[in-house]
Amino acid sequence: MSLLVVGLSHRSAPVSVLERASLSVDAQIKLLQDTVTAEPAAEGAVLATCNRIELYADVDKFHAGVAELSTLLAQHSGVGLEELTPYLYVHYEDRAVHHLFSVACGLDSMVVGEGQILGQIKDSLARAQELHTAGRLLNDLFQQALRVGKRAHSETGIDRAGQSLVTFGLEQLALGTPVEAWARDKKALVIGAGSMSSLAAATLARAGVAEVVIANRTPERAERLAQILMEGDEADVSARAVPMGSVPFELTRADVVVSCTGATGLVLTADTIAGGVESRVGERQPARAAEPTAEADAPLPITSTTGTTTGADENCPLDLSAVQPGFSVMGEAAVAGMDAATLEQHAAWAAGGTVDRRETTRSGPEADAELIGALAATASAVGRIPERRRPEPVAEPPRPEPVLFLLDLAMPRDIDAAAHRLAGVRLVDIESLAEASADAPMAADVDQVRRIVSDEVAAFGAAQRAARITPTVVALRTMAADVVAGEIARLEGRLPGLDDKHRAEITQTVRRVVDKLLHAPTVRVKQLAAEPGGAGYADALRTLFDLDPETVASVSRAEESTEKNAQNRGPA
């Protein structure tokens, strides 16, 4: 059997695809159950976070395994296989081990070095153990990944390079201001009471907010989190729990909102947010757009990333002059109900924005020939080659300072992307965090962590290869013990008068001879089996000693049964 992982992450797929492919807990359970009933897979585990969905399995056939796991991911995510396939990655054997160890160390995270992934890996292992879908291989793999991640954080300064997604998101909201100075005396609303929401609440409390309000569909969990905050080390922070129905009112009081729930639909719509901003109690009102005039009804110029106007497009569904700099094409495309490539054809975005520049035209000699032919035809018809006139720069209208800061850490999103366009609101979501993290500096300690990962992958591979030959060695020694017992019984039949002392001495001597004969080959075969390509030594040992394959298999089953009983007591 061999380790295989099929998945997609923020590195391979746009956030819009990750959002649609996200798996609820129930979907993860059903996916695991279907994985282990599939023909090529014997074990299965799912690692699903806000920026990755990965399915791990122990398979006996590579190509059949890839096909089956890809199909299962598509079926349970609801994204068609044809659409999902271009974003999937596949890792096999040592590369799969290397991938999970890198993930555990935070090297593959959206924010390099963040440690929250360790808790998510532990949860994935616990779920697979609870459903009995994790056997020897995946238990060993995930347990070792947790140890490798902890080693990386304890032996290197990777923590200095990374931070939690919550901290990174708050830094993006603060726009260069230290989070402690930005958050001081603000009122915070946290929607959700899971691990990410709990981390957000604790981070805000440490940053110095005056109040943290927890809203959750299960009131008991919200009250428990509020109580933990009140009893914690964070000084001068007030915490209270409210029902989800109170969220619209709390929006009129909050300065910062962090949302991370498991909801499949929007938790905060643009209308709800707009109402909260306009009805803020005792706060300054955000600047409102002027009443429409005849002049305002005219097409507005569209500003490009270079600060120049590209003219208006009557077919564009968005008022691009009013959008806030810093959001993404993908987010606004979701609002407009069109794909990002189509939206980009309408206009470039405001200064500081980002554009998804995926290749949309053909290239190569044939495409070049077509282009040259088209230019020549135009020149012959109008007498000159058409020019692309550079538009004149225009000043951007100032936007009001935000009075409500929104951080959406959910996948799929909790907060309507249309909030990007609301005056007085600043929204940071998973998509904008992915774009911001692409330019984040790498720490010097990352190289050291990579060396740790490489060493641990080699050690894990050697241990797994050595473990594969253990049942064969045990079967060989069992056969030798049976031979000794048979010969001693035959000797007693020939020498019935042999006293107990001499019988014991003869028995011990025969056993020592057998042990010495087997010691060197069994030790050496374990060493050879631990090396790459050493799997064939087990077959050679079985052939040389004519071992019964069923005996070897029964040893393996006995070991797996013992391990499963230990694993059912819970993860380490």
Protein backbone atom coordinates (compact mmCIF):
# COMPACT_ATOMS: atom_id res chain seq x y z
CA MET A 1 0.00 0.00 0.00
CA SER A 2 1.16 3.59 -0.71
CA LEU A 3 0.41 7.09 0.53
CA LEU A 4 -1.48 9.41 -1.84
CA VAL A 5 -2.80 12.94 -1.32
CA VAL A 6 -5.11 14.81 -3.70
CA GLY A 7 -6.14 18.36 -2.85
CA LEU A 8 -6.32 22.04 -3.64
CA SER A 9 -5.21 25.10 -1.69
CA HIS A 10 -4.75 28.86 -1.93
CA ARG A 11 -1.56 28.12 -3.89
CA SER A 12 -3.30 26.13 -6.62
CA ALA A 13 -6.82 27.58 -6.83
CA PRO A 14 -8.47 30.99 -6.63
CA VAL A 15 -10.38 31.71 -3.45
CA SER A 16 -13.65 31.66 -5.39
CA VAL A 17 -13.07 27.96 -6.20
CA LEU A 18 -11.93 27.15 -2.64
CA GLU A 19 -15.04 28.81 -1.33
CA ARG A 20 -17.34 26.70 -3.49
CA ALA A 21 -15.40 23.51 -2.75
CA SER A 22 -15.36 23.97 1.03
CA LEU A 23 -16.60 20.99 3.05
CA SER A 24 -18.85 21.07 6.09
CA VAL A 25 -18.12 18.65 8.94
CA ASP A 26 -20.92 16.36 7.76
CA ALA A 27 -19.51 16.41 4.22
CA GLN A 28 -16.05 15.53 5.55
CA ILE A 29 -17.48 12.56 7.45
CA LYS A 30 -19.31 11.27 4.39
CA LEU A 31 -16.20 11.79 2.25
CA LEU A 32 -14.09 9.73 4.67
CA GLN A 33 -16.64 6.93 4.76
CA ASP A 34 -16.87 6.81 0.98
CA THR A 35 -13.07 6.91 0.65
CA VAL A 36 -12.43 3.76 2.68
CA THR A 37 -15.22 1.90 0.89
CA ALA A 38 -13.67 2.78 -2.49
CA GLU A 39 -11.71 -0.07 -4.04
CA PRO A 40 -8.19 1.45 -4.25
CA ALA A 41 -8.16 2.97 -0.73
CA ALA A 42 -7.70 1.22 2.60
CA GLU A 43 -7.37 4.32 4.84
CA GLY A 44 -8.50 7.93 4.59
CA ALA A 45 -8.15 11.32 6.31
CA VAL A 46 -9.37 14.80 5.34
CA LEU A 47 -7.53 18.03 6.13
CA ALA A 48 -9.97 20.88 5.49
CA THR A 49 -9.13 24.45 6.54
CA CYS A 50 -10.09 27.92 5.31
CA ASN A 51 -7.44 27.74 2.60
CA ARG A 52 -6.99 24.04 1.77
CA ILE A 53 -8.96 20.85 1.16
CA GLU A 54 -6.85 17.69 1.05
CA LEU A 55 -7.76 14.01 0.99
CA TYR A 56 -5.09 11.53 2.21
CA ALA A 57 -5.39 7.82 1.51
CA ASP A 58 -3.46 4.57 1.58
CA VAL A 59 -3.95 3.11 -1.90
CA ASP A 60 -2.77 0.01 -3.71
CA LYS A 61 -2.96 1.53 -7.22
CA PHE A 62 -1.67 5.00 -8.09
CA HIS A 63 -3.70 5.87 -11.21
CA ALA A 64 -6.90 4.30 -9.92
CA GLY A 65 -6.34 6.05 -6.59
CA VAL A 66 -5.91 9.48 -8.19
CA ALA A 67 -9.04 9.00 -10.28
CA GLU A 68 -11.11 7.79 -7.34
CA LEU A 69 -9.96 10.47 -4.87
CA SER A 70 -10.46 13.26 -7.41
CA THR A 71 -13.96 12.02 -8.18
CA LEU A 72 -14.84 11.81 -4.49
CA LEU A 73 -13.60 15.36 -3.85
CA ALA A 74 -15.69 16.65 -6.74
CA GLN A 75 -18.80 14.76 -5.62
CA HIS A 76 -18.68 15.91 -2.01
CA SER A 77 -17.58 19.48 -2.71
CA GLY A 78 -20.30 20.05 -5.30
CA VAL A 79 -17.80 21.41 -7.84
CA GLY A 80 -17.81 19.46 -11.09
CA LEU A 81 -14.79 17.24 -11.72
CA GLU A 82 -14.02 18.93 -15.04
CA GLU A 83 -13.96 22.34 -13.36
CA LEU A 84 -12.10 21.15 -10.25
CA THR A 85 -9.34 19.13 -11.97
CA PRO A 86 -7.18 22.06 -13.20
CA TYR A 87 -6.76 23.22 -9.58
CA LEU A 88 -5.94 19.83 -8.02
CA TYR A 89 -2.45 18.74 -7.02
CA VAL A 90 -1.28 15.18 -6.40
CA HIS A 91 1.55 13.99 -4.13
CA TYR A 92 2.65 10.37 -3.81
CA GLU A 93 4.78 8.45 -1.30
CA ASP A 94 7.73 10.57 -0.02
CA ARG A 95 6.42 13.70 -1.78
CA ALA A 96 3.11 13.29 0.05
CA VAL A 97 4.96 12.96 3.37
CA HIS A 98 7.04 16.04 2.54
CA HIS A 99 3.89 17.98 1.72
CA LEU A 100 2.12 17.22 5.02
CA PHE A 101 5.25 17.92 7.08
CA SER A 102 5.64 21.27 5.30
CA VAL A 103 2.00 22.06 5.98
CA ALA A 104 2.43 21.16 9.67
CA CYS A 105 5.41 23.52 9.96
CA GLY A 106 3.46 26.39 8.43
CA LEU A 107 5.59 26.52 5.27
CA ASP A 108 2.56 26.05 3.03
CA SER A 109 0.23 28.35 4.96
CA MET A 110 -1.21 31.57 3.64
CA VAL A 111 0.75 33.26 6.44
CA VAL A 112 4.12 31.45 6.55
CA GLY A 113 4.95 30.07 9.98
CA GLU A 114 1.48 30.24 11.52
CA GLY A 115 0.95 27.55 14.14
CA GLN A 116 -2.83 27.13 14.06
CA ILE A 117 -2.49 24.44 11.39
CA LEU A 118 -1.21 22.04 14.05
CA GLY A 119 -4.56 22.10 15.82
CA GLN A 120 -6.33 21.54 12.51
CA ILE A 121 -4.12 18.52 11.72
CA LYS A 122 -4.84 17.13 15.18
CA ASP A 123 -8.58 17.56 14.63
CA SER A 124 -8.33 15.78 11.26
CA LEU A 125 -6.54 12.84 12.86
CA ALA A 126 -9.06 12.67 15.71
CA ARG A 127 -11.97 12.61 13.22
CA ALA A 128 -10.35 9.83 11.16
CA GLN A 129 -9.67 7.81 14.32
CA GLU A 130 -13.22 8.28 15.55
CA LEU A 131 -14.57 7.02 12.22
CA HIS A 132 -11.95 4.22 12.10
CA THR A 133 -10.73 5.38 8.67
CA ALA A 134 -7.11 5.91 9.80
CA GLY A 135 -4.97 2.79 9.98
CA ARG A 136 -1.30 2.29 10.68
CA LEU A 137 0.04 4.47 7.85
CA LEU A 138 -2.12 7.57 8.35
CA ASN A 139 -1.89 7.39 12.13
CA ASP A 140 1.90 7.24 11.93
CA LEU A 141 1.94 10.01 9.31
CA PHE A 142 -0.29 12.49 11.13
CA GLN A 143 1.26 11.81 14.54
CA GLN A 144 4.71 12.39 13.10
CA ALA A 145 3.53 15.54 11.28
CA LEU A 146 2.40 16.96 14.64
CA ARG A 147 5.81 16.18 16.16
CA VAL A 148 7.64 17.72 13.20
CA GLY A 149 5.53 20.87 13.40
CA LYS A 150 6.21 21.24 17.12
CA ARG A 151 9.93 20.66 16.54
CA ALA A 152 10.05 23.36 13.87
CA HIS A 153 8.41 25.89 16.18
CA SER A 154 10.60 24.99 19.17
CA GLU A 155 13.98 24.74 17.40
CA THR A 156 13.70 27.67 14.96
CA GLY A 157 12.39 31.21 14.85
CA ILE A 158 9.68 30.38 12.33
CA ASP A 159 7.19 31.99 14.72
CA ARG A 160 8.87 35.31 14.01
CA ALA A 161 8.17 34.88 10.30
CA GLY A 162 4.61 33.84 10.77
CA GLN A 163 1.59 34.73 12.77
CA SER A 164 -1.97 33.57 13.00
CA LEU A 165 -4.37 34.38 10.21
CA VAL A 166 -6.24 36.50 12.77
CA THR A 167 -3.19 38.65 13.55
CA PHE A 168 -2.35 39.03 9.88
CA GLY A 169 -5.93 40.04 9.13
CA LEU A 170 -5.94 42.63 11.90
CA GLU A 171 -2.69 44.06 10.53
CA GLN A 172 -4.34 44.43 7.14
CA LEU A 173 -7.28 46.22 8.74
CA ALA A 174 -4.94 48.56 10.63
CA LEU A 175 -3.25 49.68 7.37
CA GLY A 176 0.28 49.98 8.75
CA THR A 177 -0.66 51.21 12.22
CA PRO A 178 0.49 48.91 15.06
CA VAL A 179 -2.43 46.66 15.93
CA GLU A 180 -2.23 47.54 19.65
CA ALA A 181 -2.48 51.26 18.90
CA TRP A 182 -5.22 50.75 16.29
CA ALA A 183 -7.34 48.43 18.47
CA ARG A 184 -7.04 50.34 21.74
CA ASP A 185 -10.45 51.14 23.28
CA LYS A 186 -12.37 49.86 20.25
CA LYS A 187 -15.50 47.74 20.61
CA ALA A 188 -15.29 44.34 18.91
CA LEU A 189 -17.98 41.94 17.75
CA VAL A 190 -16.91 38.32 17.14
CA ILE A 191 -19.41 36.14 15.26
CA GLY A 192 -18.85 32.44 15.94
CA ALA A 193 -17.36 30.57 18.90
CA GLY A 194 -15.15 27.96 17.23
CA SER A 195 -11.36 27.73 17.37
CA MET A 196 -10.73 30.58 14.91
CA SER A 197 -13.31 32.85 16.57
CA SER A 198 -11.88 32.05 20.00
CA LEU A 199 -8.41 32.97 18.75
CA ALA A 200 -9.79 36.21 17.29
CA ALA A 201 -11.48 37.13 20.57
CA ALA A 202 -8.33 36.43 22.60
CA THR A 203 -6.15 38.34 20.12
CA LEU A 204 -8.44 41.37 20.23
CA ALA A 205 -8.49 41.26 24.03
CA ARG A 206 -4.68 41.20 24.17
CA ALA A 207 -4.54 44.04 21.64
CA GLY A 208 -6.41 46.30 24.05
CA VAL A 209 -10.00 46.53 22.84
CA ALA A 210 -12.42 47.81 25.47
CA GLU A 211 -15.15 45.25 24.82
CA VAL A 212 -15.60 41.90 23.06
CA VAL A 213 -19.13 40.77 22.21
CA ILE A 214 -19.58 37.10 21.20
CA ALA A 215 -22.50 36.07 18.98
CA ASN A 216 -23.09 32.40 18.23
CA ARG A 217 -25.99 30.16 17.21
CA THR A 218 -25.34 28.08 20.33
CA PRO A 219 -25.68 30.52 23.26
CA GLU A 220 -23.85 28.23 25.69
CA ARG A 221 -20.68 28.28 23.59
CA ALA A 222 -20.79 32.06 23.30
CA GLU A 223 -21.26 32.43 27.05
CA ARG A 224 -18.42 30.01 27.76
CA LEU A 225 -16.04 31.94 25.49
CA ALA A 226 -17.06 35.26 27.08
CA GLN A 227 -16.44 33.78 30.53
CA ILE A 228 -12.98 32.54 29.48
CA LEU A 229 -12.08 36.02 28.27
CA MET A 230 -13.28 37.61 31.51
CA GLU A 231 -11.27 35.13 33.58
CA GLY A 232 -8.16 35.35 31.41
CA ASP A 233 -5.00 37.38 31.80
CA GLU A 234 -6.20 40.14 29.47
CA ALA A 235 -6.69 43.25 31.57
CA ASP A 236 -9.54 45.76 31.37
CA VAL A 237 -11.56 43.90 28.75
CA SER A 238 -15.30 43.44 29.06
CA ALA A 239 -16.83 40.38 27.40
CA ARG A 240 -20.44 39.33 26.97
CA ALA A 241 -22.48 36.88 24.87
CA VAL A 242 -25.45 37.80 22.70
CA PRO A 243 -27.81 35.76 20.47
CA MET A 244 -27.37 35.88 16.71
CA GLY A 245 -30.55 37.91 16.41
CA SER A 246 -28.79 40.79 18.17
CA VAL A 247 -26.06 41.10 15.55
CA PRO A 248 -27.77 43.94 13.55
CA PHE A 249 -28.02 46.04 16.71
CA GLU A 250 -24.45 45.21 17.80
CA LEU A 251 -23.26 46.45 14.39
CA THR A 252 -24.41 49.93 15.39
CA ARG A 253 -22.01 49.82 18.37
CA ALA A 254 -19.03 47.82 17.08
CA ASP A 255 -15.85 49.25 15.58
CA VAL A 256 -14.37 45.88 14.58
CA VAL A 257 -16.24 42.76 13.46
CA VAL A 258 -14.58 39.36 13.03
CA SER A 259 -16.71 36.57 11.57
CA CYS A 260 -15.80 32.91 11.21
CA THR A 261 -18.73 30.49 11.27
CA GLY A 262 -19.57 27.25 9.54
CA ALA A 263 -22.59 28.76 7.81
CA THR A 264 -23.12 27.87 4.16
CA GLY A 265 -24.73 31.24 3.37
CA LEU A 266 -23.97 34.88 4.17
CA VAL A 267 -24.08 35.86 7.83
CA LEU A 268 -23.80 39.61 7.15
CA THR A 269 -25.37 41.05 4.00
CA ALA A 270 -24.38 44.40 2.53
CA ASP A 271 -27.76 45.85 3.52
CA THR A 272 -27.31 44.76 7.14
CA ILE A 273 -23.84 46.29 7.26
CA ALA A 274 -25.02 49.52 5.63
CA GLY A 275 -27.83 49.77 8.17
CA GLY A 276 -25.41 49.25 11.02
CA VAL A 277 -23.08 51.97 9.77
CA GLU A 278 -25.85 54.50 9.14
CA SER A 279 -27.49 53.86 12.51
CA ARG A 280 -24.39 53.92 14.69
CA VAL A 281 -25.17 55.15 18.17
CA GLY A 282 -23.08 58.13 19.24
CA GLU A 283 -20.61 57.76 16.38
CA ARG A 284 -19.78 60.08 13.52
CA GLN A 285 -21.74 59.38 10.36
CA PRO A 286 -19.85 58.23 7.26
CA ALA A 287 -19.82 60.57 4.30
CA ARG A 288 -22.76 59.92 2.03
CA ALA A 289 -22.82 60.22 -1.73
CA ALA A 290 -24.28 63.45 -3.11
CA GLU A 291 -27.82 63.40 -4.47
CA PRO A 292 -27.91 62.50 -8.18
CA THR A 293 -27.80 65.40 -10.60
CA ALA A 294 -27.98 65.62 -14.35
CA GLU A 295 -24.21 65.95 -14.42
CA ALA A 296 -23.82 62.99 -12.08
CA ASP A 297 -25.94 60.85 -14.39
CA ALA A 298 -23.30 61.14 -17.10
CA PRO A 299 -20.92 58.19 -17.55
CA LEU A 300 -18.11 58.37 -15.00
CA PRO A 301 -14.45 57.93 -15.95
CA ILE A 302 -12.84 54.66 -14.94
CA THR A 303 -9.49 54.84 -13.21
CA SER A 304 -6.72 52.42 -14.09
CA THR A 305 -3.97 51.02 -11.90
CA THR A 306 -1.62 53.65 -13.29
CA GLY A 307 -3.89 56.49 -12.18
CA THR A 308 -5.19 57.24 -15.66
CA THR A 309 -8.72 57.30 -17.00
CA THR A 310 -9.68 54.71 -19.56
CA GLY A 311 -13.12 56.16 -20.31
CA ALA A 312 -16.53 54.89 -19.30
CA ASP A 313 -18.23 51.69 -20.46
CA GLU A 314 -22.00 51.73 -20.48
CA ASN A 315 -22.06 47.92 -20.27
CA CYS A 316 -20.12 47.81 -16.98
CA PRO A 317 -22.53 47.02 -14.11
CA LEU A 318 -20.33 48.70 -11.48
CA ASP A 319 -19.67 52.32 -10.57
CA LEU A 320 -15.92 51.84 -10.67
CA SER A 321 -15.12 55.41 -9.67
CA ALA A 322 -16.73 54.82 -6.27
CA VAL A 323 -14.98 51.59 -5.35
CA GLN A 324 -12.45 51.46 -2.53
CA PRO A 325 -8.80 50.83 -3.46
CA GLY A 326 -7.32 47.58 -2.24
CA PHE A 327 -9.96 45.00 -3.07
CA SER A 328 -9.66 42.22 -5.62
CA VAL A 329 -11.15 41.52 -9.01
CA MET A 330 -12.43 38.16 -7.77
CA GLY A 331 -14.42 39.76 -4.94
CA GLU A 332 -16.04 42.38 -7.15
CA ALA A 333 -16.67 39.80 -9.86
CA ALA A 334 -18.70 37.83 -7.34
CA VAL A 335 -20.76 40.95 -6.63
CA ALA A 336 -21.26 41.71 -10.31
CA GLY A 337 -22.23 38.15 -11.14
CA MET A 338 -19.59 37.69 -13.84
CA ASP A 339 -16.20 36.03 -14.10
CA ALA A 340 -13.08 38.04 -13.32
CA ALA A 341 -11.75 37.91 -16.89
CA THR A 342 -14.94 39.53 -18.23
CA LEU A 343 -14.87 42.12 -15.50
CA GLU A 344 -11.26 42.99 -16.26
CA GLN A 345 -12.23 43.70 -19.86
CA HIS A 346 -14.51 46.49 -18.63
CA ALA A 347 -11.79 48.39 -16.76
CA ALA A 348 -8.63 48.22 -14.68
CA TRP A 349 -9.04 48.78 -10.97
CA ALA A 350 -8.27 51.72 -8.73
CA ALA A 351 -4.70 52.40 -7.63
CA GLY A 352 -3.59 49.86 -5.07
CA GLY A 353 -6.05 47.28 -6.33
CA THR A 354 -5.09 43.94 -7.80
CA VAL A 355 -5.96 42.32 -11.09
CA ASP A 356 -6.20 38.63 -11.87
CA ARG A 357 -4.02 38.52 -14.96
CA ARG A 358 -4.55 34.96 -16.12
CA GLU A 359 -3.66 34.41 -19.76
CA THR A 360 -6.79 34.82 -21.87
CA THR A 361 -5.30 34.89 -25.41
CA ARG A 362 -3.56 32.31 -27.51
CA SER A 363 0.17 32.55 -28.12
CA GLY A 364 2.60 31.01 -30.55
CA PRO A 365 3.51 31.39 -34.23
CA GLU A 366 -0.06 30.91 -35.47
CA ALA A 367 -1.46 33.58 -33.14
CA ASP A 368 1.37 35.97 -34.09
CA ALA A 369 0.65 35.41 -37.77
CA GLU A 370 -3.03 36.18 -37.26
CA LEU A 371 -2.17 39.39 -35.37
CA ILE A 372 0.27 40.56 -38.04
CA GLY A 373 -2.28 39.81 -40.74
CA ALA A 374 -4.97 41.77 -38.93
CA LEU A 375 -2.66 44.78 -38.50
CA ALA A 376 -1.67 44.70 -42.15
CA ALA A 377 -5.32 44.58 -43.23
CA THR A 378 -6.14 47.56 -41.02
CA ALA A 379 -3.17 49.56 -42.31
CA SER A 380 -4.17 48.94 -45.93
CA ALA A 381 -7.75 50.01 -45.24
CA VAL A 382 -7.14 53.21 -43.21
CA GLY A 383 -3.62 54.08 -44.34
CA ARG A 384 -1.98 53.72 -40.92
CA ILE A 385 -1.61 51.32 -37.99
CA PRO A 386 -4.09 52.22 -35.21
CA GLU A 387 -2.64 53.75 -32.07
CA ARG A 388 -3.56 53.13 -28.46
CA ARG A 389 -4.01 56.63 -27.11
CA ARG A 390 -2.75 57.09 -23.57
CA PRO A 391 -5.56 58.64 -21.52
CA GLU A 392 -5.12 61.74 -19.41
CA PRO A 393 -4.77 61.26 -15.64
CA VAL A 394 -7.68 62.19 -13.42
CA ALA A 395 -7.88 62.78 -9.69
CA GLU A 396 -9.55 60.11 -7.58
CA PRO A 397 -12.43 61.26 -5.40
CA PRO A 398 -11.51 60.93 -1.70
CA ARG A 399 -13.24 58.22 0.30
CA PRO A 400 -14.30 58.74 3.92
CA GLU A 401 -12.22 57.13 6.64
CA PRO A 402 -13.68 53.76 7.65
CA VAL A 403 -15.70 53.66 10.85
CA LEU A 404 -16.45 49.93 10.69
CA PHE A 405 -13.71 47.33 10.13
CA LEU A 406 -14.74 43.85 8.98
CA LEU A 407 -12.55 40.73 9.02
CA ASP A 408 -14.07 37.67 7.32
CA LEU A 409 -12.11 34.47 8.04
CA ALA A 410 -14.81 32.02 6.96
CA MET A 411 -14.79 29.67 3.98
CA PRO A 412 -17.25 30.00 2.36
CA ARG A 413 -17.44 33.71 3.13
CA ASP A 414 -19.63 35.03 5.95
CA ILE A 415 -19.67 38.66 4.83
CA ASP A 416 -21.13 39.91 1.55
CA ALA A 417 -18.36 40.97 -0.84
CA ALA A 418 -20.48 44.00 -1.73
CA ALA A 419 -19.36 45.52 1.58
CA HIS A 420 -16.14 46.44 -0.28
CA ARG A 421 -18.10 49.26 -1.93
CA LEU A 422 -19.76 50.71 1.17
CA ALA A 423 -18.57 54.13 2.31
CA GLY A 424 -17.18 54.07 5.83
CA VAL A 425 -16.45 50.32 5.71
CA ARG A 426 -13.19 48.42 5.29
CA LEU A 427 -13.47 44.69 4.59
CA VAL A 428 -10.60 42.20 4.67
CA ASP A 429 -11.44 38.63 3.69
CA ILE A 430 -9.63 35.41 2.81
CA GLU A 431 -9.14 36.54 -0.77
CA SER A 432 -7.51 39.85 0.12
CA LEU A 433 -5.38 38.10 2.74
CA ALA A 434 -4.14 35.67 0.08
CA GLU A 435 -3.15 38.58 -2.15
CA ALA A 436 -1.43 40.43 0.70
CA SER A 437 0.47 37.36 1.89
CA ALA A 438 1.94 36.79 -1.58
CA ASP A 439 4.24 39.77 -0.94
CA ALA A 440 4.98 38.99 2.72
CA PRO A 441 8.73 38.63 3.47
CA MET A 442 10.15 35.21 4.22
CA ALA A 443 12.08 34.74 7.45
CA ALA A 444 15.67 33.48 7.51
CA ASP A 445 14.50 30.59 9.68
CA VAL A 446 12.41 29.17 6.84
CA ASP A 447 15.48 27.51 5.32
CA GLN A 448 16.24 25.83 8.64
CA VAL A 449 12.66 24.54 8.85
CA ARG A 450 12.96 23.17 5.33
CA ARG A 451 16.06 21.23 6.37
CA ILE A 452 14.17 19.83 9.35
CA VAL A 453 11.35 18.74 7.06
CA SER A 454 13.78 17.02 4.65
CA ASP A 455 15.49 15.14 7.49
CA GLU A 456 12.18 14.09 9.01
CA VAL A 457 10.83 12.88 5.66
CA ALA A 458 13.90 10.68 5.19
CA ALA A 459 13.60 9.28 8.72
CA PHE A 460 9.88 8.63 8.33
CA GLY A 461 10.41 6.83 5.02
CA ALA A 462 13.14 4.67 6.50
CA ALA A 463 10.97 3.77 9.51
CA GLN A 464 8.02 2.88 7.28
CA ARG A 465 10.14 0.72 5.00
CA ALA A 466 11.69 -1.04 7.99
CA ALA A 467 8.25 -1.59 9.51
CA ARG A 468 7.06 -3.31 6.34
CA ILE A 469 9.61 -6.09 6.79
CA THR A 470 8.89 -6.61 10.49
CA PRO A 471 6.00 -9.08 9.95
CA THR A 472 8.28 -11.17 7.70
CA VAL A 473 11.05 -11.19 10.34
CA VAL A 474 8.54 -12.11 13.05
CA ALA A 475 7.18 -14.92 10.87
CA LEU A 476 10.74 -16.20 10.29
CA ARG A 477 11.52 -16.29 14.01
CA THR A 478 8.17 -17.95 14.71
CA MET A 479 8.99 -20.64 12.16
CA ALA A 480 12.45 -21.13 13.75
CA ALA A 481 10.89 -21.46 17.22
CA ASP A 482 8.50 -24.11 15.89
CA VAL A 483 11.44 -26.01 14.36
CA VAL A 484 13.31 -25.94 17.70
CA ALA A 485 10.22 -27.09 19.60
CA GLY A 486 9.70 -29.94 17.14
CA GLU A 487 13.30 -31.12 17.36
CA ILE A 488 13.28 -31.03 21.19
CA ALA A 489 10.08 -33.10 21.21
CA ARG A 490 11.71 -35.63 18.83
CA LEU A 491 14.79 -35.77 21.07
CA GLU A 492 12.66 -36.54 24.12
CA GLY A 493 11.11 -39.40 22.22
CA ARG A 494 14.52 -40.87 21.47
CA LEU A 495 15.95 -40.21 24.95
CA PRO A 496 13.06 -40.79 27.34
CA GLY A 497 15.38 -41.01 30.32
CA LEU A 498 16.81 -37.53 29.85
CA ASP A 499 16.60 -35.60 33.12
CA ASP A 500 15.19 -32.08 33.36
CA LYS A 501 18.55 -30.39 33.83
CA HIS A 502 20.10 -31.85 30.68
CA ARG A 503 16.87 -31.35 28.68
CA ALA A 504 16.85 -27.63 29.60
CA GLU A 505 20.52 -27.25 28.73
CA ILE A 506 20.07 -28.90 25.32
CA THR A 507 16.96 -26.79 24.60
CA GLN A 508 18.79 -23.58 25.51
CA THR A 509 21.80 -24.55 23.36
CA VAL A 510 19.65 -25.24 20.29
CA ARG A 511 17.82 -21.96 20.72
CA ARG A 512 21.10 -20.03 20.99
CA VAL A 513 22.39 -21.64 17.81
CA VAL A 514 19.21 -20.69 15.92
CA ASP A 515 19.24 -17.14 17.31
CA LYS A 516 22.86 -16.61 16.30
CA LEU A 517 22.21 -17.93 12.80
CA LEU A 518 19.21 -15.63 12.35
CA HIS A 519 20.60 -12.54 14.08
CA ALA A 520 22.90 -11.23 11.33
CA PRO A 521 20.48 -11.74 8.40
CA THR A 522 17.47 -10.27 10.24
CA VAL A 523 19.39 -7.19 11.42
CA ARG A 524 20.91 -6.68 8.00
CA VAL A 525 17.60 -7.13 6.17
CA LYS A 526 16.01 -4.44 8.39
CA GLN A 527 18.85 -2.06 7.55
CA LEU A 528 18.57 -2.77 3.84
CA ALA A 529 14.78 -2.49 3.90
CA ALA A 530 15.03 1.02 5.43
CA GLU A 531 16.91 2.26 2.37
CA PRO A 532 15.10 3.48 -0.77
CA GLY A 533 14.09 0.53 -2.91
CA GLY A 534 14.45 -1.86 0.03
CA ALA A 535 10.93 -3.27 -0.16
CA GLY A 536 12.15 -6.24 -2.22
CA TYR A 537 14.18 -7.66 0.67
CA ALA A 538 11.03 -8.82 2.44
CA ASP A 539 10.06 -10.81 -0.66
CA ALA A 540 13.55 -12.29 -0.84
CA LEU A 541 13.41 -13.35 2.81
CA ARG A 542 10.04 -15.04 2.33
CA THR A 543 11.33 -16.86 -0.73
CA LEU A 544 14.64 -17.98 0.81
CA PHE A 545 13.02 -19.43 3.93
CA ASP A 546 9.84 -20.60 2.22
CA LEU A 547 7.65 -18.65 4.62
CA ASP A 548 3.90 -19.12 4.43
CA PRO A 549 2.38 -15.82 3.13
CA GLU A 550 -0.67 -16.34 5.37
CA THR A 551 1.59 -16.50 8.43
CA VAL A 552 3.14 -13.15 7.49
CA ALA A 553 -0.30 -11.66 6.85
CA SER A 554 -1.61 -12.89 10.20
CA VAL A 555 1.29 -11.18 11.98
CA SER A 556 0.45 -7.92 10.18
CA ARG A 557 -3.22 -8.21 11.13
CA ALA A 558 -2.33 -8.87 14.77
CA GLU A 559 -0.08 -5.79 14.88
CA GLU A 560 -2.71 -3.58 13.22
CA SER A 561 -5.38 -4.80 15.65
CA THR A 562 -3.15 -3.94 18.61
CA GLU A 563 -2.40 -0.49 17.20
CA LYS A 564 -6.08 0.20 16.43
CA ASN A 565 -7.07 -0.62 20.01
CA ALA A 566 -4.46 1.85 21.25
CA GLN A 567 -5.52 4.51 18.75
CA ASN A 568 -9.18 4.23 19.69
CA ARG A 569 -8.22 5.61 23.09
CA GLY A 570 -7.61 8.96 21.36
CA PRO A 571 -4.84 10.91 19.62
CA ALA A 572 -1.59 11.69 21.35
